[in-house]
Amino acid sequence: MESSLPPKERQANSRRWLITAFVIYGTMVGGLLGFFVIFPNAAYETEAENARTATATKPMRYEGVIANWNRYRTKDARADAR
């Protein structure tokens, strides 16, 4: 089936689509490159590393809670002994 557009208009129309696709593709690639330039460590962090960091900080926080609980229990035991 032949198009009703003249050949020059058909060629201009396909060039417009090609330029539009190139601009969209270029924007996506440029955005990704910009992201990795701004956040260089984001490409190398994994969930395992993030979990390891979280678990490394938690025991220190809970040690204080355990120490307070032990202090409370020893106070309570001394009060019961009287």
C-alpha atoms as a PDB file:
ATOM      1  CA  MET A   1       0.000   0.000   0.000  1.00  0.00           C
ATOM      2  CA  GLU A   2       1.441   3.301  -1.050  1.00  0.00           C
ATOM      3  CA  SER A   3       1.421   6.366   1.184  1.00  0.00           C
ATOM      4  CA  SER A   4      -0.547   9.441   0.128  1.00  0.00           C
ATOM      5  CA  LEU A   5       2.338  11.688   1.202  1.00  0.00           C
ATOM      6  CA  PRO A   6       4.934  12.856  -1.309  1.00  0.00           C
ATOM      7  CA  PRO A   7       8.404  11.256  -0.917  1.00  0.00           C
ATOM      8  CA  LYS A   8      10.019  14.382   0.588  1.00  0.00           C
ATOM      9  CA  GLU A   9       7.345  14.653   3.273  1.00  0.00           C
ATOM     10  CA  ARG A  10       7.651  10.932   4.046  1.00  0.00           C
ATOM     11  CA  GLN A  11      11.412  11.331   4.426  1.00  0.00           C
ATOM     12  CA  ALA A  12      10.975  14.394   6.678  1.00  0.00           C
ATOM     13  CA  ASN A  13       8.443  12.516   8.791  1.00  0.00           C
ATOM     14  CA  SER A  14      10.773   9.549   9.287  1.00  0.00           C
ATOM     15  CA  ARG A  15      13.649  11.914  10.133  1.00  0.00           C
ATOM     16  CA  ARG A  16      11.489  13.571  12.797  1.00  0.00           C
ATOM     17  CA  TRP A  17      10.815  10.166  14.360  1.00  0.00           C
ATOM     18  CA  LEU A  18      14.500   9.292  14.210  1.00  0.00           C
ATOM     19  CA  ILE A  19      15.518  12.573  15.855  1.00  0.00           C
ATOM     20  CA  THR A  20      12.840  12.157  18.538  1.00  0.00           C
ATOM     21  CA  ALA A  21      14.021   8.632  19.317  1.00  0.00           C
ATOM     22  CA  PHE A  22      17.644   9.805  19.455  1.00  0.00           C
ATOM     23  CA  VAL A  23      16.758  12.671  21.833  1.00  0.00           C
ATOM     24  CA  ILE A  24      14.859  10.313  24.150  1.00  0.00           C
ATOM     25  CA  TYR A  25      17.657   7.734  24.110  1.00  0.00           C
ATOM     26  CA  GLY A  26      20.293  10.432  24.653  1.00  0.00           C
ATOM     27  CA  THR A  27      18.359  11.851  27.591  1.00  0.00           C
ATOM     28  CA  MET A  28      18.141   8.423  29.230  1.00  0.00           C
ATOM     29  CA  VAL A  29      21.843   7.690  28.757  1.00  0.00           C
ATOM     30  CA  GLY A  30      22.819  11.173  29.935  1.00  0.00           C
ATOM     31  CA  GLY A  31      20.613  10.841  32.994  1.00  0.00           C
ATOM     32  CA  LEU A  32      22.170   7.517  33.942  1.00  0.00           C
ATOM     33  CA  LEU A  33      25.672   8.857  33.478  1.00  0.00           C
ATOM     34  CA  GLY A  34      24.798  11.917  35.552  1.00  0.00           C
ATOM     35  CA  PHE A  35      23.371   9.723  38.297  1.00  0.00           C
ATOM     36  CA  PHE A  36      26.549   7.664  38.529  1.00  0.00           C
ATOM     37  CA  VAL A  37      28.703  10.795  38.507  1.00  0.00           C
ATOM     38  CA  ILE A  38      26.708  12.377  41.345  1.00  0.00           C
ATOM     39  CA  PHE A  39      26.277   9.154  43.377  1.00  0.00           C
ATOM     40  CA  PRO A  40      29.390   7.069  42.630  1.00  0.00           C
ATOM     41  CA  ASN A  41      28.936   4.666  45.581  1.00  0.00           C
ATOM     42  CA  ALA A  42      25.363   3.759  44.654  1.00  0.00           C
ATOM     43  CA  ALA A  43      26.611   1.441  41.922  1.00  0.00           C
ATOM     44  CA  TYR A  44      28.723  -0.660  44.287  1.00  0.00           C
ATOM     45  CA  GLU A  45      26.518  -0.994  47.383  1.00  0.00           C
ATOM     46  CA  THR A  46      24.582  -4.212  47.778  1.00  0.00           C
ATOM     47  CA  GLU A  47      21.881  -5.295  50.186  1.00  0.00           C
ATOM     48  CA  ALA A  48      24.383  -7.496  52.006  1.00  0.00           C
ATOM     49  CA  GLU A  49      26.650  -4.523  52.672  1.00  0.00           C
ATOM     50  CA  ASN A  50      23.733  -2.426  53.878  1.00  0.00           C
ATOM     51  CA  ALA A  51      22.583  -5.251  56.169  1.00  0.00           C
ATOM     52  CA  ARG A  52      26.113  -5.695  57.518  1.00  0.00           C
ATOM     53  CA  THR A  53      26.246  -1.975  58.330  1.00  0.00           C
ATOM     54  CA  ALA A  54      22.887  -2.128  60.090  1.00  0.00           C
ATOM     55  CA  THR A  55      23.811  -5.166  62.152  1.00  0.00           C
ATOM     56  CA  ALA A  56      27.136  -3.605  63.105  1.00  0.00           C
ATOM     57  CA  THR A  57      25.358  -0.700  64.782  1.00  0.00           C
ATOM     58  CA  LYS A  58      22.516  -2.580  66.486  1.00  0.00           C
ATOM     59  CA  PRO A  59      24.419  -4.574  69.147  1.00  0.00           C
ATOM     60  CA  MET A  60      25.844  -1.416  70.673  1.00  0.00           C
ATOM     61  CA  ARG A  61      22.368   0.010  71.003  1.00  0.00           C
ATOM     62  CA  TYR A  62      20.968  -3.137  72.619  1.00  0.00           C
ATOM     63  CA  GLU A  63      23.900  -3.538  75.004  1.00  0.00           C
ATOM     64  CA  GLY A  64      22.721  -0.431  76.812  1.00  0.00           C
ATOM     65  CA  VAL A  65      19.189  -1.813  77.079  1.00  0.00           C
ATOM     66  CA  ILE A  66      20.503  -5.114  78.447  1.00  0.00           C
ATOM     67  CA  ALA A  67      22.721  -3.303  80.951  1.00  0.00           C
ATOM     68  CA  ASN A  68      19.783  -1.209  82.152  1.00  0.00           C
ATOM     69  CA  TRP A  69      17.585  -4.295  82.459  1.00  0.00           C
ATOM     70  CA  ASN A  70      20.262  -6.118  84.490  1.00  0.00           C
ATOM     71  CA  ARG A  71      20.597  -3.116  86.791  1.00  0.00           C
ATOM     72  CA  TYR A  72      16.833  -3.024  87.260  1.00  0.00           C
ATOM     73  CA  ARG A  73      16.699  -6.767  88.005  1.00  0.00           C
ATOM     74  CA  THR A  74      19.510  -6.576  90.586  1.00  0.00           C
ATOM     75  CA  LYS A  75      17.795  -3.645  92.309  1.00  0.00           C
ATOM     76  CA  ASP A  76      14.541  -5.612  92.375  1.00  0.00           C
ATOM     77  CA  ALA A  77      16.281  -8.711  93.743  1.00  0.00           C
ATOM     78  CA  ARG A  78      17.880  -6.670  96.541  1.00  0.00           C
ATOM     79  CA  ALA A  79      14.509  -5.189  97.420  1.00  0.00           C
ATOM     80  CA  ASP A  80      12.937  -8.641  97.553  1.00  0.00           C
ATOM     81  CA  ALA A  81      15.756  -9.927  99.789  1.00  0.00           C
ATOM     82  CA  ARG A  82      15.052  -7.351 102.490  1.00  0.00           C
END
